C-alpha atoms as a PDB file:
ATOM      1  CA  MET A   1     -28.842  10.549  15.902  1.00  0.00           C
ATOM      2  CA  LEU A   2     -32.982   9.914  15.628  1.00  0.00           C
ATOM      3  CA  ASN A   3     -34.144  11.234  19.097  1.00  0.00           C
ATOM      4  CA  VAL A   4     -37.142   9.163  19.792  1.00  0.00           C
ATOM      5  CA  ALA A   5     -40.291  10.602  22.901  1.00  0.00           C
ATOM      6  CA  LEU A   6     -41.713   6.609  24.204  1.00  0.00           C
ATOM      7  CA  PRO A   7     -44.867   6.800  26.887  1.00  0.00           C
ATOM      8  CA  LYS A   8     -43.831   5.786  30.083  1.00  0.00           C
ATOM      9  CA  GLY A   9     -45.033   2.627  32.399  1.00  0.00           C
ATOM     10  CA  ARG A  10     -46.758  -0.306  30.567  1.00  0.00           C
ATOM     11  CA  LEU A  11     -47.064   0.585  26.807  1.00  0.00           C
ATOM     12  CA  GLY A  12     -43.526   2.638  26.696  1.00  0.00           C
ATOM     13  CA  GLU A  13     -41.753  -0.944  27.514  1.00  0.00           C
ATOM     14  CA  LYS A  14     -43.433  -2.704  24.526  1.00  0.00           C
ATOM     15  CA  VAL A  15     -42.867   0.084  22.351  1.00  0.00           C
ATOM     16  CA  TYR A  16     -39.696  -0.409  23.194  1.00  0.00           C
ATOM     17  CA  ALA A  17     -38.893  -3.823  22.951  1.00  0.00           C
ATOM     18  CA  MET A  18     -41.106  -3.657  19.264  1.00  0.00           C
ATOM     19  CA  PHE A  19     -38.061  -0.794  18.952  1.00  0.00           C
ATOM     20  CA  GLU A  20     -35.095  -3.258  19.926  1.00  0.00           C
ATOM     21  CA  ALA A  21     -35.940  -5.963  17.995  1.00  0.00           C
ATOM     22  CA  ALA A  22     -36.374  -3.523  15.124  1.00  0.00           C
ATOM     23  CA  GLY A  23     -33.040  -3.426  14.549  1.00  0.00           C
ATOM     24  CA  TYR A  24     -32.582   0.263  16.764  1.00  0.00           C
ATOM     25  CA  PRO A  25     -31.662  -1.987  21.102  1.00  0.00           C
ATOM     26  CA  CYS A  26     -30.585   0.423  23.608  1.00  0.00           C
ATOM     27  CA  PRO A  27     -29.032  -1.975  26.489  1.00  0.00           C
ATOM     28  CA  SER A  28     -28.498   1.142  28.994  1.00  0.00           C
ATOM     29  CA  ILE A  29     -32.534   1.649  29.209  1.00  0.00           C
ATOM     30  CA  TYR A  30     -32.563  -1.119  31.164  1.00  0.00           C
ATOM     31  CA  GLU A  31     -30.380   0.309  34.183  1.00  0.00           C
ATOM     32  CA  GLU A  32     -31.718   0.406  37.567  1.00  0.00           C
ATOM     33  CA  ASN A  33     -31.274   4.287  37.588  1.00  0.00           C
ATOM     34  CA  ARG A  34     -33.326   7.812  37.391  1.00  0.00           C
ATOM     35  CA  LYS A  35     -32.012   8.711  34.123  1.00  0.00           C
ATOM     36  CA  LEU A  36     -34.656  10.076  31.875  1.00  0.00           C
ATOM     37  CA  ILE A  37     -32.546   9.708  28.697  1.00  0.00           C
ATOM     38  CA  PHE A  38     -30.715   6.871  26.932  1.00  0.00           C
ATOM     39  CA  GLU A  39     -28.787   6.611  23.709  1.00  0.00           C
ATOM     40  CA  ASN A  40     -26.862   4.002  21.264  1.00  0.00           C
ATOM     41  CA  GLU A  41     -24.379   5.833  19.484  1.00  0.00           C
ATOM     42  CA  GLU A  42     -24.105   3.001  17.578  1.00  0.00           C
ATOM     43  CA  ALA A  43     -27.970   2.221  16.140  1.00  0.00           C
ATOM     44  CA  GLY A  44     -28.045   6.274  16.215  1.00  0.00           C
ATOM     45  CA  VAL A  45     -30.742   7.265  18.606  1.00  0.00           C
ATOM     46  CA  ARG A  46     -31.464   8.385  21.408  1.00  0.00           C
ATOM     47  CA  TYR A  47     -34.414   7.256  24.153  1.00  0.00           C
ATOM     48  CA  PHE A  48     -36.282   9.153  26.257  1.00  0.00           C
ATOM     49  CA  TRP A  49     -39.585   8.586  28.954  1.00  0.00           C
ATOM     50  CA  VAL A  50     -42.286  11.292  28.829  1.00  0.00           C
ATOM     51  CA  LYS A  51     -45.698  10.900  30.452  1.00  0.00           C
ATOM     52  CA  PRO A  52     -48.136   9.691  27.274  1.00  0.00           C
ATOM     53  CA  SER A  53     -49.779  12.435  26.941  1.00  0.00           C
ATOM     54  CA  ASP A  54     -47.403  14.757  26.554  1.00  0.00           C
ATOM     55  CA  VAL A  55     -45.532  13.043  23.720  1.00  0.00           C
ATOM     56  CA  ALA A  56     -47.213  14.703  20.737  1.00  0.00           C
ATOM     57  CA  ILE A  57     -46.259  17.696  22.104  1.00  0.00           C
ATOM     58  CA  TYR A  58     -42.529  16.744  22.140  1.00  0.00           C
ATOM     59  CA  VAL A  59     -43.145  15.637  19.062  1.00  0.00           C
ATOM     60  CA  GLU A  60     -45.054  18.718  17.472  1.00  0.00           C
ATOM     61  CA  ARG A  61     -42.265  20.783  18.717  1.00  0.00           C
ATOM     62  CA  GLY A  62     -39.711  19.487  17.710  1.00  0.00           C
ATOM     63  CA  ALA A  63     -37.907  18.176  21.117  1.00  0.00           C
ATOM     64  CA  ALA A  64     -38.370  14.425  19.466  1.00  0.00           C
ATOM     65  CA  ASP A  65     -38.146  13.290  15.726  1.00  0.00           C
ATOM     66  CA  ILE A  66     -40.570  10.432  15.975  1.00  0.00           C
ATOM     67  CA  GLY A  67     -42.846   9.263  19.193  1.00  0.00           C
ATOM     68  CA  VAL A  68     -45.013   6.674  20.155  1.00  0.00           C
ATOM     69  CA  ALA A  69     -48.762   8.253  21.259  1.00  0.00           C
ATOM     70  CA  GLY A  70     -51.797   6.898  21.608  1.00  0.00           C
ATOM     71  CA  LYS A  71     -54.834   7.396  18.915  1.00  0.00           C
ATOM     72  CA  ASP A  72     -56.751   8.677  21.915  1.00  0.00           C
ATOM     73  CA  ILE A  73     -54.903  11.592  22.057  1.00  0.00           C
ATOM     74  CA  LEU A  74     -53.839  12.634  18.625  1.00  0.00           C
ATOM     75  CA  LEU A  75     -58.114  12.466  17.991  1.00  0.00           C
ATOM     76  CA  GLU A  76     -58.258  15.175  21.838  1.00  0.00           C
ATOM     77  CA  TYR A  77     -55.639  17.288  20.681  1.00  0.00           C
ATOM     78  CA  GLU A  78     -55.053  17.294  16.901  1.00  0.00           C
ATOM     79  CA  PRO A  79     -51.000  17.852  17.332  1.00  0.00           C
ATOM     80  CA  ASP A  80     -49.825  19.160  13.582  1.00  0.00           C
ATOM     81  CA  ILE A  81     -47.622  15.691  13.402  1.00  0.00           C
ATOM     82  CA  TYR A  82     -46.854  13.223  11.023  1.00  0.00           C
ATOM     83  CA  GLU A  83     -48.852   9.747  11.570  1.00  0.00           C
ATOM     84  CA  LEU A  84     -46.588   6.773  10.340  1.00  0.00           C
ATOM     85  CA  LEU A  85     -48.100   3.740  11.424  1.00  0.00           C
ATOM     86  CA  ASP A  86     -50.456   1.680  13.180  1.00  0.00           C
ATOM     87  CA  LEU A  87     -48.315  -0.577  15.843  1.00  0.00           C
ATOM     88  CA  ASP A  88     -51.205  -2.675  16.548  1.00  0.00           C
ATOM     89  CA  ILE A  89     -50.984  -2.844  20.774  1.00  0.00           C
ATOM     90  CA  GLY A  90     -52.492  -0.561  23.571  1.00  0.00           C
ATOM     91  CA  LYS A  91     -55.434  -1.329  21.606  1.00  0.00           C
ATOM     92  CA  CYS A  92     -58.509  -0.106  23.543  1.00  0.00           C
ATOM     93  CA  LYS A  93     -61.548   1.852  22.607  1.00  0.00           C
ATOM     94  CA  MET A  94     -62.673   5.514  22.994  1.00  0.00           C
ATOM     95  CA  ALA A  95     -66.788   5.149  24.203  1.00  0.00           C
ATOM     96  CA  VAL A  96     -69.906   6.050  25.652  1.00  0.00           C
ATOM     97  CA  ALA A  97     -71.453   4.385  28.861  1.00  0.00           C
ATOM     98  CA  ALA A  98     -74.004   4.955  30.985  1.00  0.00           C
ATOM     99  CA  PRO A  99     -75.704   3.021  33.570  1.00  0.00           C
ATOM    100  CA  VAL A 100     -77.523   0.436  33.432  1.00  0.00           C
ATOM    101  CA  GLY A 101     -80.585   0.807  31.557  1.00  0.00           C
ATOM    102  CA  PHE A 102     -79.995   4.608  30.949  1.00  0.00           C
ATOM    103  CA  ARG A 103     -82.485   5.783  28.387  1.00  0.00           C
ATOM    104  CA  ASP A 104     -81.641   9.156  26.236  1.00  0.00           C
ATOM    105  CA  ASN A 105     -84.599  11.841  26.702  1.00  0.00           C
ATOM    106  CA  THR A 106     -83.381  13.849  23.449  1.00  0.00           C
ATOM    107  CA  GLN A 107     -85.461  16.754  24.412  1.00  0.00           C
ATOM    108  CA  LYS A 108     -83.103  17.705  26.927  1.00  0.00           C
ATOM    109  CA  THR A 109     -79.731  18.349  27.232  1.00  0.00           C
ATOM    110  CA  LEU A 110     -77.481  15.154  27.286  1.00  0.00           C
ATOM    111  CA  ARG A 111     -74.749  16.002  30.078  1.00  0.00           C
ATOM    112  CA  VAL A 112     -71.259  14.844  28.892  1.00  0.00           C
ATOM    113  CA  ALA A 113     -68.346  14.103  31.504  1.00  0.00           C
ATOM    114  CA  THR A 114     -64.558  13.183  29.976  1.00  0.00           C
ATOM    115  CA  LYS A 115     -62.001  14.267  30.236  1.00  0.00           C
ATOM    116  CA  PHE A 116     -61.231  14.079  25.834  1.00  0.00           C
ATOM    117  CA  SER A 117     -63.930  17.425  25.474  1.00  0.00           C
ATOM    118  CA  ASN A 118     -63.150  17.698  21.814  1.00  0.00           C
ATOM    119  CA  ILE A 119     -63.209  13.830  21.261  1.00  0.00           C
ATOM    120  CA  ALA A 120     -66.916  13.674  22.687  1.00  0.00           C
ATOM    121  CA  LYS A 121     -68.108  16.976  21.296  1.00  0.00           C
ATOM    122  CA  ALA A 122     -66.988  16.237  17.896  1.00  0.00           C
ATOM    123  CA  TYR A 123     -68.761  12.602  18.384  1.00  0.00           C
ATOM    124  CA  TYR A 124     -72.268  13.853  18.908  1.00  0.00           C
ATOM    125  CA  ASP A 125     -71.695  17.373  16.689  1.00  0.00           C
ATOM    126  CA  SER A 126     -71.750  14.660  13.972  1.00  0.00           C
ATOM    127  CA  LYS A 127     -75.362  13.596  15.919  1.00  0.00           C
ATOM    128  CA  GLY A 128     -76.797  16.284  15.504  1.00  0.00           C
ATOM    129  CA  ARG A 129     -77.244  16.271  19.722  1.00  0.00           C
ATOM    130  CA  ASP A 130     -77.283  18.699  22.299  1.00  0.00           C
ATOM    131  CA  ILE A 131     -74.709  17.970  25.252  1.00  0.00           C
ATOM    132  CA  ASP A 132     -73.444  20.601  27.965  1.00  0.00           C
ATOM    133  CA  ILE A 133     -69.578  18.991  28.432  1.00  0.00           C
ATOM    134  CA  ILE A 134     -68.211  18.227  32.196  1.00  0.00           C
ATOM    135  CA  HIS A 135     -64.752  18.272  31.633  1.00  0.00           C
ATOM    136  CA  LEU A 136     -63.313  16.036  34.334  1.00  0.00           C
ATOM    137  CA  ASN A 137     -59.227  15.277  34.715  1.00  0.00           C
ATOM    138  CA  GLY A 138     -59.769  11.918  36.614  1.00  0.00           C
ATOM    139  CA  SER A 139     -62.070   9.197  37.938  1.00  0.00           C
ATOM    140  CA  ILE A 140     -64.899   9.886  35.221  1.00  0.00           C
ATOM    141  CA  GLU A 141     -66.648   6.904  36.383  1.00  0.00           C
ATOM    142  CA  ILE A 142     -67.699   8.433  39.311  1.00  0.00           C
ATOM    143  CA  ALA A 143     -70.228  11.064  37.634  1.00  0.00           C
ATOM    144  CA  PRO A 144     -73.277   9.321  36.051  1.00  0.00           C
ATOM    145  CA  ILE A 145     -73.607   7.818  40.127  1.00  0.00           C
ATOM    146  CA  LEU A 146     -73.729  10.855  41.201  1.00  0.00           C
ATOM    147  CA  LYS A 147     -75.769  12.607  38.834  1.00  0.00           C
ATOM    148  CA  LEU A 148     -73.497  15.258  37.996  1.00  0.00           C
ATOM    149  CA  SER A 149     -73.445  13.628  34.285  1.00  0.00           C
ATOM    150  CA  ASP A 150     -75.686  11.469  32.693  1.00  0.00           C
ATOM    151  CA  VAL A 151     -73.392   9.533  30.009  1.00  0.00           C
ATOM    152  CA  ILE A 152     -69.541   9.188  29.514  1.00  0.00           C
ATOM    153  CA  VAL A 153     -67.300   9.061  27.613  1.00  0.00           C
ATOM    154  CA  ASP A 154     -63.744   7.528  27.720  1.00  0.00           C
ATOM    155  CA  ILE A 155     -61.354   5.166  27.773  1.00  0.00           C
ATOM    156  CA  VAL A 156     -62.606   1.309  27.444  1.00  0.00           C
ATOM    157  CA  GLU A 157     -60.252  -1.397  27.400  1.00  0.00           C
ATOM    158  CA  THR A 158     -62.148  -4.453  29.863  1.00  0.00           C
ATOM    159  CA  GLY A 159     -65.151  -3.142  30.644  1.00  0.00           C
ATOM    160  CA  THR A 160     -63.884  -3.906  34.590  1.00  0.00           C
ATOM    161  CA  THR A 161     -64.133  -0.465  36.296  1.00  0.00           C
ATOM    162  CA  LEU A 162     -67.536  -0.148  34.729  1.00  0.00           C
ATOM    163  CA  LYS A 163     -69.079  -3.333  35.421  1.00  0.00           C
ATOM    164  CA  GLU A 164     -68.453  -2.593  39.642  1.00  0.00           C
ATOM    165  CA  ASN A 165     -69.585   0.979  38.973  1.00  0.00           C
ATOM    166  CA  ASN A 166     -73.029  -0.366  37.426  1.00  0.00           C
ATOM    167  CA  LEU A 167     -72.542   0.994  33.796  1.00  0.00           C
ATOM    168  CA  GLU A 168     -72.493  -0.382  30.439  1.00  0.00           C
ATOM    169  CA  VAL A 169     -70.924   0.783  27.185  1.00  0.00           C
ATOM    170  CA  ILE A 170     -73.841   1.988  24.554  1.00  0.00           C
ATOM    171  CA  GLU A 171     -71.933   3.433  21.898  1.00  0.00           C
ATOM    172  CA  ASP A 172     -68.554   3.055  20.227  1.00  0.00           C
ATOM    173  CA  VAL A 173     -67.003   6.162  19.549  1.00  0.00           C
ATOM    174  CA  VAL A 174     -63.272   5.124  18.075  1.00  0.00           C
ATOM    175  CA  PRO A 175     -60.930   2.487  18.461  1.00  0.00           C
ATOM    176  CA  ILE A 176     -57.746   3.626  19.833  1.00  0.00           C
ATOM    177  CA  SER A 177     -54.193   1.864  19.640  1.00  0.00           C
ATOM    178  CA  ALA A 178     -50.162   3.203  19.918  1.00  0.00           C
ATOM    179  CA  ARG A 179     -49.504   5.192  17.014  1.00  0.00           C
ATOM    180  CA  LEU A 180     -45.837   6.173  15.593  1.00  0.00           C
ATOM    181  CA  ILE A 181     -45.718   9.594  14.749  1.00  0.00           C
ATOM    182  CA  ALA A 182     -43.127  11.829  13.601  1.00  0.00           C
ATOM    183  CA  ASN A 183     -42.100  15.531  13.845  1.00  0.00           C
ATOM    184  CA  LYS A 184     -43.228  17.469   9.936  1.00  0.00           C
ATOM    185  CA  THR A 185     -39.339  18.926   9.719  1.00  0.00           C
ATOM    186  CA  SER A 186     -38.017  16.213  11.041  1.00  0.00           C
ATOM    187  CA  PHE A 187     -39.513  13.908   8.920  1.00  0.00           C
ATOM    188  CA  LYS A 188     -38.423  16.308   6.198  1.00  0.00           C
ATOM    189  CA  PHE A 189     -34.741  16.402   7.081  1.00  0.00           C
ATOM    190  CA  LYS A 190     -34.174  12.870   8.033  1.00  0.00           C
ATOM    191  CA  THR A 191     -36.309  11.310   5.921  1.00  0.00           C
ATOM    192  CA  GLU A 192     -34.482   7.745   5.225  1.00  0.00           C
ATOM    193  CA  GLU A 193     -33.584   7.190   8.208  1.00  0.00           C
ATOM    194  CA  ILE A 194     -37.157   7.537   9.650  1.00  0.00           C
ATOM    195  CA  GLU A 195     -38.387   5.359   6.674  1.00  0.00           C
ATOM    196  CA  ASN A 196     -35.823   3.114   7.164  1.00  0.00           C
ATOM    197  CA  ILE A 197     -37.482   2.432  10.745  1.00  0.00           C
ATOM    198  CA  VAL A 198     -40.941   2.442   9.865  1.00  0.00           C
ATOM    199  CA  ARG A 199     -39.778  -0.285   7.377  1.00  0.00           C
ATOM    200  CA  ASN A 200     -38.040  -1.898  10.216  1.00  0.00           C
ATOM    201  CA  LEU A 201     -40.526  -1.880  12.530  1.00  0.00           C
ATOM    202  CA  LYS A 202     -43.077  -3.478  10.222  1.00  0.00           C
END
């Protein structure tokens, strides 16, 4: 059996639909219950739902053979896994946003609020810009409004939340989408099964 970690929520439902279309259905997943693990012996798969930011941990540590995680998670946490396929769904981007009309004073340290500290650091390091990272876990948009930060680095899908808070994207950092990932040991011992899944998903 291949253990597959799916991200809970809208994205996970889309991902499961792709697996189902690729020939790995598991009808019990649609039953109204609180079960977290679903298996289909005939198709040789066992699915389980986990928090999106935890998928990479389950895969890296071998509790799952494969899983689906956003590129943002992979860049932020750099798990020791194989990235096999860009699923071309869950598309958005990581961007720098600031209050409308913001001008960067390069003489001063730039205060950056984000929950993606590693991505922000790598991005500004590549530009040689001196920054002070303020790590927050939610409602990042409020930080520049309350003058806690100058800018934010966050995921932008439609930009509606930014507009409503009088913020705008000033720089794109990296495009984001959902990726199929594999545990390195699993890939070695279940190469054929995993490569079949990749082929069928393509």
